[in-house]
C-alpha atoms as a PDB file:
ATOM      1  CA  MET A   1     135.087 -16.856-180.772  1.00  0.00           C
ATOM      2  CA  LYS A   2     133.457 -15.335-177.610  1.00  0.00           C
ATOM      3  CA  ILE A   3     135.874 -13.404-175.477  1.00  0.00           C
ATOM      4  CA  LYS A   4     134.808 -15.121-172.321  1.00  0.00           C
ATOM      5  CA  GLU A   5     136.068 -18.592-174.056  1.00  0.00           C
ATOM      6  CA  VAL A   6     139.230 -16.736-175.128  1.00  0.00           C
ATOM      7  CA  LEU A   7     140.041 -15.622-171.690  1.00  0.00           C
ATOM      8  CA  ARG A   8     139.568 -19.346-170.315  1.00  0.00           C
ATOM      9  CA  GLN A   9     141.749 -20.695-172.975  1.00  0.00           C
ATOM     10  CA  ARG A  10     144.675 -18.266-172.954  1.00  0.00           C
ATOM     11  CA  SER A  11     146.844 -17.617-169.869  1.00  0.00           C
ATOM     12  CA  SER A  12     147.961 -14.257-171.106  1.00  0.00           C
ATOM     13  CA  GLY A  13     147.669 -11.866-173.999  1.00  0.00           C
ATOM     14  CA  VAL A  14     146.751  -8.238-175.091  1.00  0.00           C
ATOM     15  CA  SER A  15     143.804  -6.587-176.678  1.00  0.00           C
ATOM     16  CA  PHE A  16     143.370  -3.562-178.756  1.00  0.00           C
ATOM     17  CA  GLU A  17     140.755  -0.835-179.008  1.00  0.00           C
ATOM     18  CA  PHE A  18     140.236   1.247-182.131  1.00  0.00           C
ATOM     19  CA  PHE A  19     137.774   3.957-183.175  1.00  0.00           C
ATOM     20  CA  PRO A  20     135.960   3.783-186.464  1.00  0.00           C
ATOM     21  CA  PRO A  21     137.569   5.724-189.331  1.00  0.00           C
ATOM     22  CA  LYS A  22     136.326   9.309-189.538  1.00  0.00           C
ATOM     23  CA  GLN A  23     137.275  10.380-192.879  1.00  0.00           C
ATOM     24  CA  PRO A  24     136.267   9.007-196.280  1.00  0.00           C
ATOM     25  CA  GLY A  25     139.204   7.118-197.746  1.00  0.00           C
ATOM     26  CA  SER A  26     140.839   6.439-194.494  1.00  0.00           C
ATOM     27  CA  GLU A  27     139.632   2.868-194.289  1.00  0.00           C
ATOM     28  CA  VAL A  28     142.809   1.505-195.813  1.00  0.00           C
ATOM     29  CA  PHE A  29     144.922   3.200-193.327  1.00  0.00           C
ATOM     30  CA  PHE A  30     142.728   1.893-190.498  1.00  0.00           C
ATOM     31  CA  ILE A  31     142.861  -1.739-191.821  1.00  0.00           C
ATOM     32  CA  ASN A  32     146.589  -1.542-192.113  1.00  0.00           C
ATOM     33  CA  VAL A  33     147.063  -0.478-188.531  1.00  0.00           C
ATOM     34  CA  VAL A  34     144.671  -3.368-187.509  1.00  0.00           C
ATOM     35  CA  ARG A  35     146.830  -5.834-189.577  1.00  0.00           C
ATOM     36  CA  GLU A  36     149.942  -4.595-188.115  1.00  0.00           C
ATOM     37  CA  LEU A  37     148.825  -5.006-184.534  1.00  0.00           C
ATOM     38  CA  ALA A  38     147.275  -8.366-185.393  1.00  0.00           C
ATOM     39  CA  GLY A  39     150.980  -9.616-185.322  1.00  0.00           C
ATOM     40  CA  TYR A  40     150.653  -9.495-181.533  1.00  0.00           C
ATOM     41  CA  ASN A  41     148.072 -12.300-181.698  1.00  0.00           C
ATOM     42  CA  PRO A  42     145.496 -10.168-179.676  1.00  0.00           C
ATOM     43  CA  LEU A  43     142.747 -11.859-177.551  1.00  0.00           C
ATOM     44  CA  TYR A  44     140.249  -9.646-179.391  1.00  0.00           C
ATOM     45  CA  VAL A  45     139.973  -6.145-180.928  1.00  0.00           C
ATOM     46  CA  SER A  46     137.156  -3.681-180.269  1.00  0.00           C
ATOM     47  CA  VAL A  47     135.715  -0.688-182.044  1.00  0.00           C
ATOM     48  CA  THR A  48     134.218   2.266-180.071  1.00  0.00           C
ATOM     49  CA  TYR A  49     130.700   3.540-180.440  1.00  0.00           C
ATOM     50  CA  GLY A  50     129.928   7.281-180.322  1.00  0.00           C
ATOM     51  CA  ALA A  51     127.751   9.070-177.805  1.00  0.00           C
ATOM     52  CA  GLY A  52     124.080   8.315-178.365  1.00  0.00           C
ATOM     53  CA  GLY A  53     124.970   5.926-181.187  1.00  0.00           C
ATOM     54  CA  SER A  54     126.419   8.697-183.234  1.00  0.00           C
ATOM     55  CA  THR A  55     129.009   6.427-184.937  1.00  0.00           C
ATOM     56  CA  GLN A  56     126.707   3.531-185.265  1.00  0.00           C
ATOM     57  CA  ASP A  57     127.182   3.047-189.029  1.00  0.00           C
ATOM     58  CA  ARG A  58     130.848   3.668-188.889  1.00  0.00           C
ATOM     59  CA  THR A  59     131.389   1.314-185.936  1.00  0.00           C
ATOM     60  CA  ARG A  60     129.488  -1.482-187.791  1.00  0.00           C
ATOM     61  CA  GLN A  61     131.469  -0.833-190.987  1.00  0.00           C
ATOM     62  CA  ALA A  62     134.736  -0.989-189.116  1.00  0.00           C
ATOM     63  CA  LEU A  63     133.754  -4.199-187.482  1.00  0.00           C
ATOM     64  CA  LEU A  64     132.747  -5.904-190.680  1.00  0.00           C
ATOM     65  CA  SER A  65     136.079  -4.575-192.367  1.00  0.00           C
ATOM     66  CA  ILE A  66     138.240  -6.174-189.690  1.00  0.00           C
ATOM     67  CA  LYS A  67     136.285  -9.485-190.013  1.00  0.00           C
ATOM     68  CA  GLY A  68     136.669  -9.291-193.857  1.00  0.00           C
ATOM     69  CA  ALA A  69     140.398  -8.507-193.654  1.00  0.00           C
ATOM     70  CA  THR A  70     141.548 -10.638-190.678  1.00  0.00           C
ATOM     71  CA  GLU A  71     140.698 -13.745-188.599  1.00  0.00           C
ATOM     72  CA  LEU A  72     140.571 -11.574-185.317  1.00  0.00           C
ATOM     73  CA  ASN A  73     137.892 -11.864-182.655  1.00  0.00           C
ATOM     74  CA  VAL A  74     135.875  -8.668-182.748  1.00  0.00           C
ATOM     75  CA  MET A  75     133.846  -6.710-180.153  1.00  0.00           C
ATOM     76  CA  SER A  76     131.557  -3.881-180.551  1.00  0.00           C
ATOM     77  CA  HIS A  77     131.129  -1.118-177.964  1.00  0.00           C
ATOM     78  CA  LEU A  78     127.351  -0.411-177.489  1.00  0.00           C
ATOM     79  CA  THR A  79     125.939   2.549-175.524  1.00  0.00           C
ATOM     80  CA  CYS A  80     122.319   2.483-174.400  1.00  0.00           C
ATOM     81  CA  ILE A  81     121.579   5.951-173.242  1.00  0.00           C
ATOM     82  CA  GLY A  82     118.733   7.500-175.228  1.00  0.00           C
ATOM     83  CA  ALA A  83     118.149   3.975-176.885  1.00  0.00           C
ATOM     84  CA  THR A  84     114.987   1.916-177.004  1.00  0.00           C
ATOM     85  CA  THR A  85     114.560  -1.647-176.816  1.00  0.00           C
ATOM     86  CA  ALA A  86     113.653  -1.683-180.420  1.00  0.00           C
ATOM     87  CA  SER A  87     116.825   0.050-181.470  1.00  0.00           C
ATOM     88  CA  ILE A  88     119.059  -1.907-179.276  1.00  0.00           C
ATOM     89  CA  THR A  89     117.390  -5.270-180.498  1.00  0.00           C
ATOM     90  CA  SER A  90     117.785  -4.186-184.136  1.00  0.00           C
ATOM     91  CA  ILE A  91     121.530  -3.603-183.601  1.00  0.00           C
ATOM     92  CA  LEU A  92     121.931  -6.995-181.891  1.00  0.00           C
ATOM     93  CA  GLU A  93     120.002  -8.779-184.442  1.00  0.00           C
ATOM     94  CA  ASP A  94     122.276  -7.369-187.133  1.00  0.00           C
ATOM     95  CA  TYR A  95     125.578  -8.115-185.169  1.00  0.00           C
ATOM     96  CA  GLY A  96     124.273 -11.680-184.605  1.00  0.00           C
ATOM     97  CA  ALA A  97     123.509 -12.255-188.318  1.00  0.00           C
ATOM     98  CA  ASN A  98     127.072 -11.078-189.138  1.00  0.00           C
ATOM     99  CA  GLY A  99     128.840 -13.221-186.594  1.00  0.00           C
ATOM    100  CA  ILE A 100     129.650 -10.403-184.196  1.00  0.00           C
ATOM    101  CA  ASP A 101     129.027 -12.065-180.622  1.00  0.00           C
ATOM    102  CA  ASN A 102     131.081  -9.922-178.308  1.00  0.00           C
ATOM    103  CA  ILE A 103     129.599  -6.665-176.869  1.00  0.00           C
ATOM    104  CA  LEU A 104     131.056  -4.119-174.412  1.00  0.00           C
ATOM    105  CA  ALA A 105     127.828  -2.733-172.740  1.00  0.00           C
ATOM    106  CA  LEU A 106     128.073   0.819-171.760  1.00  0.00           C
ATOM    107  CA  ARG A 107     125.703   3.548-170.608  1.00  0.00           C
ATOM    108  CA  GLY A 108     127.469   6.209-172.571  1.00  0.00           C
ATOM    109  CA  ASP A 109     127.182   9.934-172.582  1.00  0.00           C
ATOM    110  CA  PRO A 110     124.492  11.869-174.402  1.00  0.00           C
ATOM    111  CA  PRO A 111     125.594  13.457-177.670  1.00  0.00           C
ATOM    112  CA  ARG A 112     126.433  17.215-177.498  1.00  0.00           C
ATOM    113  CA  ASN A 113     123.256  18.114-179.250  1.00  0.00           C
ATOM    114  CA  MET A 114     121.175  16.645-176.432  1.00  0.00           C
ATOM    115  CA  LYS A 115     121.629  19.358-173.777  1.00  0.00           C
ATOM    116  CA  GLY A 116     119.466  18.855-170.825  1.00  0.00           C
ATOM    117  CA  PHE A 117     119.183  15.306-171.420  1.00  0.00           C
ATOM    118  CA  ASP A 118     117.692  13.514-168.327  1.00  0.00           C
ATOM    119  CA  LEU A 119     119.973  10.541-167.648  1.00  0.00           C
ATOM    120  CA  THR A 120     117.476   9.099-165.262  1.00  0.00           C
ATOM    121  CA  LYS A 121     114.768   8.603-167.987  1.00  0.00           C
ATOM    122  CA  GLY A 122     114.656   6.180-170.780  1.00  0.00           C
ATOM    123  CA  GLU A 123     114.358   2.400-171.272  1.00  0.00           C
ATOM    124  CA  PHE A 124     117.972   1.942-170.311  1.00  0.00           C
ATOM    125  CA  ARG A 125     119.265   4.110-167.440  1.00  0.00           C
ATOM    126  CA  TYR A 126     122.448   2.248-166.726  1.00  0.00           C
ATOM    127  CA  ALA A 127     124.734  -0.184-168.296  1.00  0.00           C
ATOM    128  CA  ARG A 128     123.541  -2.913-166.045  1.00  0.00           C
ATOM    129  CA  ASP A 129     120.113  -2.527-167.709  1.00  0.00           C
ATOM    130  CA  LEU A 130     121.798  -3.166-171.039  1.00  0.00           C
ATOM    131  CA  VAL A 131     123.687  -6.265-169.717  1.00  0.00           C
ATOM    132  CA  GLU A 132     120.368  -7.659-168.250  1.00  0.00           C
ATOM    133  CA  PHE A 133     118.523  -7.090-171.328  1.00  0.00           C
ATOM    134  CA  ILE A 134     121.088  -8.697-173.667  1.00  0.00           C
ATOM    135  CA  ARG A 135     121.475 -11.755-171.260  1.00  0.00           C
ATOM    136  CA  LYS A 136     117.712 -12.285-170.870  1.00  0.00           C
ATOM    137  CA  ARG A 137     116.862 -11.913-174.486  1.00  0.00           C
ATOM    138  CA  TYR A 138     119.775 -13.759-176.079  1.00  0.00           C
ATOM    139  CA  GLY A 139     121.056 -16.105-173.378  1.00  0.00           C
ATOM    140  CA  ASP A 140     124.805 -16.975-173.777  1.00  0.00           C
ATOM    141  CA  TYR A 141     124.952 -15.942-177.465  1.00  0.00           C
ATOM    142  CA  PHE A 142     126.876 -12.768-176.590  1.00  0.00           C
ATOM    143  CA  SER A 143     129.921 -12.465-174.500  1.00  0.00           C
ATOM    144  CA  ILE A 144     129.332  -9.327-172.548  1.00  0.00           C
ATOM    145  CA  GLY A 145     132.089  -6.846-171.217  1.00  0.00           C
ATOM    146  CA  VAL A 146     131.509  -3.890-169.055  1.00  0.00           C
ATOM    147  CA  ALA A 147     133.578  -0.860-167.942  1.00  0.00           C
ATOM    148  CA  ALA A 148     135.283  -0.531-164.622  1.00  0.00           C
ATOM    149  CA  TYR A 149     136.861   2.513-162.961  1.00  0.00           C
ATOM    150  CA  PRO A 150     139.881   2.228-160.526  1.00  0.00           C
ATOM    151  CA  GLU A 151     139.491   5.834-159.432  1.00  0.00           C
ATOM    152  CA  LYS A 152     135.713   5.644-159.598  1.00  0.00           C
ATOM    153  CA  HIS A 153     133.309   6.796-162.268  1.00  0.00           C
ATOM    154  CA  PRO A 154     132.957  10.656-162.119  1.00  0.00           C
ATOM    155  CA  GLU A 155     129.362  10.435-161.165  1.00  0.00           C
ATOM    156  CA  ALA A 156     129.652   7.847-158.409  1.00  0.00           C
ATOM    157  CA  PRO A 157     129.288   9.277-154.932  1.00  0.00           C
ATOM    158  CA  SER A 158     132.135   7.046-153.500  1.00  0.00           C
ATOM    159  CA  LEU A 159     134.583   4.315-154.325  1.00  0.00           C
ATOM    160  CA  GLU A 160     132.448   1.941-152.189  1.00  0.00           C
ATOM    161  CA  LYS A 161     129.282   2.751-154.216  1.00  0.00           C
ATOM    162  CA  ASP A 162     131.162   2.463-157.529  1.00  0.00           C
ATOM    163  CA  ILE A 163     132.418  -0.989-156.722  1.00  0.00           C
ATOM    164  CA  GLU A 164     128.839  -1.980-155.780  1.00  0.00           C
ATOM    165  CA  TYR A 165     127.757  -0.800-159.233  1.00  0.00           C
ATOM    166  CA  LEU A 166     130.375  -3.117-160.889  1.00  0.00           C
ATOM    167  CA  LYS A 167     129.049  -5.942-158.855  1.00  0.00           C
ATOM    168  CA  MET A 168     125.493  -5.248-160.095  1.00  0.00           C
ATOM    169  CA  LYS A 169     126.851  -5.427-163.657  1.00  0.00           C
ATOM    170  CA  ALA A 170     128.598  -8.700-162.959  1.00  0.00           C
ATOM    171  CA  ASP A 171     125.558 -10.177-161.296  1.00  0.00           C
ATOM    172  CA  ALA A 172     123.454  -8.980-164.329  1.00  0.00           C
ATOM    173  CA  GLY A 173     125.528 -11.264-166.563  1.00  0.00           C
ATOM    174  CA  ALA A 174     128.713  -9.500-167.549  1.00  0.00           C
ATOM    175  CA  ASP A 175     131.553 -11.826-168.327  1.00  0.00           C
ATOM    176  CA  PHE A 176     134.460  -9.544-167.957  1.00  0.00           C
ATOM    177  CA  ALA A 177     135.472  -5.857-167.371  1.00  0.00           C
ATOM    178  CA  ILE A 178     137.923  -3.413-168.891  1.00  0.00           C
ATOM    179  CA  THR A 179     139.162  -0.545-166.707  1.00  0.00           C
ATOM    180  CA  GLN A 180     139.255   3.057-167.566  1.00  0.00           C
ATOM    181  CA  MET A 181     142.810   4.309-168.121  1.00  0.00           C
ATOM    182  CA  PHE A 182     144.989   4.926-165.141  1.00  0.00           C
ATOM    183  CA  PHE A 183     148.681   5.917-164.835  1.00  0.00           C
ATOM    184  CA  ASP A 184     149.493   4.796-161.300  1.00  0.00           C
ATOM    185  CA  ASN A 185     149.133   1.071-160.990  1.00  0.00           C
ATOM    186  CA  ALA A 186     148.570   1.456-157.165  1.00  0.00           C
ATOM    187  CA  TYR A 187     145.003   2.412-158.121  1.00  0.00           C
ATOM    188  CA  TYR A 188     144.452  -0.686-160.109  1.00  0.00           C
ATOM    189  CA  TYR A 189     145.866  -2.936-157.436  1.00  0.00           C
ATOM    190  CA  ASP A 190     143.746  -1.319-154.790  1.00  0.00           C
ATOM    191  CA  PHE A 191     140.719  -1.543-157.173  1.00  0.00           C
ATOM    192  CA  MET A 192     141.367  -5.266-157.625  1.00  0.00           C
ATOM    193  CA  GLU A 193     141.456  -5.862-153.857  1.00  0.00           C
ATOM    194  CA  ARG A 194     138.070  -4.036-153.391  1.00  0.00           C
ATOM    195  CA  ALA A 195     136.571  -6.064-156.272  1.00  0.00           C
ATOM    196  CA  LEU A 196     137.641  -9.376-154.643  1.00  0.00           C
ATOM    197  CA  LYS A 197     136.128  -8.402-151.325  1.00  0.00           C
ATOM    198  CA  HIS A 198     132.799  -7.560-152.849  1.00  0.00           C
ATOM    199  CA  GLY A 199     132.740 -11.101-154.538  1.00  0.00           C
ATOM    200  CA  ILE A 200     133.574  -9.819-158.148  1.00  0.00           C
ATOM    201  CA  ASP A 201     135.232 -12.755-159.723  1.00  0.00           C
ATOM    202  CA  ILE A 202     135.115 -11.976-163.501  1.00  0.00           C
ATOM    203  CA  PRO A 203     138.386 -10.966-165.291  1.00  0.00           C
ATOM    204  CA  ILE A 204     139.156  -7.293-164.922  1.00  0.00           C
ATOM    205  CA  LEU A 205     141.531  -6.101-167.840  1.00  0.00           C
ATOM    206  CA  PRO A 206     143.552  -2.984-167.124  1.00  0.00           C
ATOM    207  CA  GLY A 207     143.070  -0.390-169.723  1.00  0.00           C
ATOM    208  CA  ILE A 208     146.406   1.083-170.904  1.00  0.00           C
ATOM    209  CA  MET A 209     146.593   4.612-172.570  1.00  0.00           C
ATOM    210  CA  PRO A 210     149.635   5.458-174.698  1.00  0.00           C
ATOM    211  CA  ILE A 211     150.794   8.937-174.188  1.00  0.00           C
ATOM    212  CA  THR A 212     151.500  10.895-177.351  1.00  0.00           C
ATOM    213  CA  ASP A 213     149.869  14.157-176.583  1.00  0.00           C
ATOM    214  CA  PHE A 214     150.221  15.113-172.933  1.00  0.00           C
ATOM    215  CA  ASN A 215     147.746  18.141-172.916  1.00  0.00           C
ATOM    216  CA  LYS A 216     145.193  15.802-174.511  1.00  0.00           C
ATOM    217  CA  ILE A 217     145.890  13.157-171.922  1.00  0.00           C
ATOM    218  CA  LYS A 218     145.369  15.671-169.218  1.00  0.00           C
ATOM    219  CA  GLU A 219     142.084  16.800-170.788  1.00  0.00           C
ATOM    220  CA  PHE A 220     140.881  13.123-170.979  1.00  0.00           C
ATOM    221  CA  CYS A 221     141.835  12.612-167.226  1.00  0.00           C
ATOM    222  CA  SER A 222     139.871  15.788-166.262  1.00  0.00           C
ATOM    223  CA  PHE A 223     136.497  14.535-167.474  1.00  0.00           C
ATOM    224  CA  CYS A 224     137.064  10.730-166.573  1.00  0.00           C
ATOM    225  CA  ASN A 225     138.398  11.115-163.188  1.00  0.00           C
ATOM    226  CA  ALA A 226     141.806   9.648-163.900  1.00  0.00           C
ATOM    227  CA  SER A 227     144.799  11.235-162.227  1.00  0.00           C
ATOM    228  CA  ILE A 228     148.337  12.014-163.334  1.00  0.00           C
ATOM    229  CA  PRO A 229     151.063  10.919-161.079  1.00  0.00           C
ATOM    230  CA  GLU A 230     153.334  13.878-159.876  1.00  0.00           C
ATOM    231  CA  SER A 231     156.407  11.875-161.045  1.00  0.00           C
ATOM    232  CA  LEU A 232     155.078  11.786-164.627  1.00  0.00           C
ATOM    233  CA  GLU A 233     154.257  15.481-164.579  1.00  0.00           C
ATOM    234  CA  LYS A 234     157.862  16.288-163.584  1.00  0.00           C
ATOM    235  CA  LYS A 235     159.384  13.981-166.266  1.00  0.00           C
ATOM    236  CA  MET A 236     157.115  15.725-168.903  1.00  0.00           C
ATOM    237  CA  LEU A 237     157.792  19.377-167.921  1.00  0.00           C
ATOM    238  CA  PRO A 238     161.311  19.589-169.804  1.00  0.00           C
ATOM    239  CA  VAL A 239     159.810  18.082-173.038  1.00  0.00           C
ATOM    240  CA  LEU A 240     156.397  19.874-173.305  1.00  0.00           C
ATOM    241  CA  ASP A 241     157.587  21.718-176.440  1.00  0.00           C
ATOM    242  CA  SER A 242     158.885  18.503-178.132  1.00  0.00           C
ATOM    243  CA  PRO A 243     156.224  16.093-179.593  1.00  0.00           C
ATOM    244  CA  GLU A 244     158.911  13.428-179.859  1.00  0.00           C
ATOM    245  CA  GLY A 245     160.066  14.075-176.387  1.00  0.00           C
ATOM    246  CA  ILE A 246     156.505  13.663-175.138  1.00  0.00           C
ATOM    247  CA  ARG A 247     156.118  10.450-176.999  1.00  0.00           C
ATOM    248  CA  LYS A 248     159.311   9.068-175.730  1.00  0.00           C
ATOM    249  CA  THR A 249     158.857  10.016-172.161  1.00  0.00           C
ATOM    250  CA  GLY A 250     155.246   8.801-172.271  1.00  0.00           C
ATOM    251  CA  THR A 251     156.162   5.392-173.929  1.00  0.00           C
ATOM    252  CA  GLU A 252     158.690   4.827-171.088  1.00  0.00           C
ATOM    253  CA  HIS A 253     156.209   5.539-168.448  1.00  0.00           C
ATOM    254  CA  VAL A 254     153.610   3.263-169.902  1.00  0.00           C
ATOM    255  CA  GLY A 255     156.121   0.599-170.791  1.00  0.00           C
ATOM    256  CA  ALA A 256     157.244   0.562-167.164  1.00  0.00           C
ATOM    257  CA  GLN A 257     153.686   0.546-166.048  1.00  0.00           C
ATOM    258  CA  CYS A 258     152.879  -2.512-168.258  1.00  0.00           C
ATOM    259  CA  GLU A 259     156.180  -4.428-166.947  1.00  0.00           C
ATOM    260  CA  ASP A 260     155.152  -3.843-163.381  1.00  0.00           C
ATOM    261  CA  LEU A 261     151.588  -5.153-163.954  1.00  0.00           C
ATOM    262  CA  ILE A 262     152.925  -8.221-165.583  1.00  0.00           C
ATOM    263  CA  ARG A 263     155.588  -8.856-162.963  1.00  0.00           C
ATOM    264  CA  ASN A 264     152.722  -8.587-160.382  1.00  0.00           C
ATOM    265  CA  GLY A 265     150.603 -11.400-161.982  1.00  0.00           C
ATOM    266  CA  VAL A 266     148.377  -9.414-164.340  1.00  0.00           C
ATOM    267  CA  ARG A 267     147.649 -11.663-167.182  1.00  0.00           C
ATOM    268  CA  TYR A 268     145.955  -9.548-169.740  1.00  0.00           C
ATOM    269  CA  LEU A 269     146.450  -5.962-170.922  1.00  0.00           C
ATOM    270  CA  HIS A 270     143.860  -3.898-173.017  1.00  0.00           C
ATOM    271  CA  PHE A 271     145.374  -1.073-175.157  1.00  0.00           C
ATOM    272  CA  TYR A 272     143.646   2.104-176.253  1.00  0.00           C
ATOM    273  CA  THR A 273     145.357   2.295-179.413  1.00  0.00           C
ATOM    274  CA  LEU A 274     144.252   5.658-180.716  1.00  0.00           C
ATOM    275  CA  ASN A 275     144.630   3.940-184.056  1.00  0.00           C
ATOM    276  CA  ARG A 276     148.360   4.046-183.880  1.00  0.00           C
ATOM    277  CA  ALA A 277     150.379   0.874-184.294  1.00  0.00           C
ATOM    278  CA  ASP A 278     153.822   2.560-183.887  1.00  0.00           C
ATOM    279  CA  THR A 279     153.390   3.622-180.246  1.00  0.00           C
ATOM    280  CA  ILE A 280     151.708   0.448-179.339  1.00  0.00           C
ATOM    281  CA  SER A 281     154.548  -1.491-180.802  1.00  0.00           C
ATOM    282  CA  ASP A 282     157.118   0.658-179.001  1.00  0.00           C
ATOM    283  CA  ILE A 283     155.421  -0.260-175.755  1.00  0.00           C
ATOM    284  CA  LEU A 284     154.914  -3.783-176.495  1.00  0.00           C
ATOM    285  CA  ASP A 285     158.161  -5.036-178.197  1.00  0.00           C
ATOM    286  CA  PRO A 286     160.421  -4.685-175.095  1.00  0.00           C
ATOM    287  CA  LEU A 287     157.831  -6.879-173.102  1.00  0.00           C
ATOM    288  CA  LYS A 288     157.752  -9.768-175.566  1.00  0.00           C
ATOM    289  CA  ASP A 289     159.510 -12.144-173.193  1.00  0.00           C
ATOM    290  CA  LEU A 290     157.257 -11.251-170.315  1.00  0.00           C
ATOM    291  CA  LEU A 291     154.018 -11.668-172.391  1.00  0.00           C
ATOM    292  CA  LYS A 292     154.911 -15.246-173.398  1.00  0.00           C
END
């Protein structure tokens, strides 16, 4: 089912993002994780797509494996940097033939072996170009999601410009958006106010990142322009030498973050699962009554 229709039909829910299995033989573990999280009746599940299409085959196989093993709604991430109209069309035709009708349209980053790549050149310069292409060529066949940035995209000159870019993607035909991770809900609430003032009325799902490796999270934040609250830093200091302590402290923080979002009227939560069911379950299980 198309995600835009699911969001119309369901008043609340969660969604999960996975990355395609990297190692041969890891597919069974991957599907077991998906099946375990399927118990939360997700709105949909998505599979990431590597820089410059570097995981294209694995992304496709992961999507088909999920469709074959479950009845979940699936969505493929799709990056367009360095892509041609012909290559994007080929992917979309294949997805359509296999009943995959949900796309997260992203510009993406150039792969590491493309140093000096000119982001201003190519048939698709921005995610909105991909959205516009899909909508014009395929009409309403695909439900299209896009990315949003509560603390602004690292390349955006200002918060004001960044929200204008999201408006362009919505106007080009995006049905919904998913935010980059954030750890202070004030950024999300402020972002939603700015989006409303700019006439952006598509659903915007908050992207929730579990914390199991604090150093890795800080690394993520450094290149995606997300900030770590000082209060969280202080809580982490005493447990930095304890993986379980980090996981427990991180789960408490993210759980409280989710509870606050729900109590403030947020209807949907999107989780970056990191292909781990246990941490997501630890976050969601205490929130079951609120998620009904």
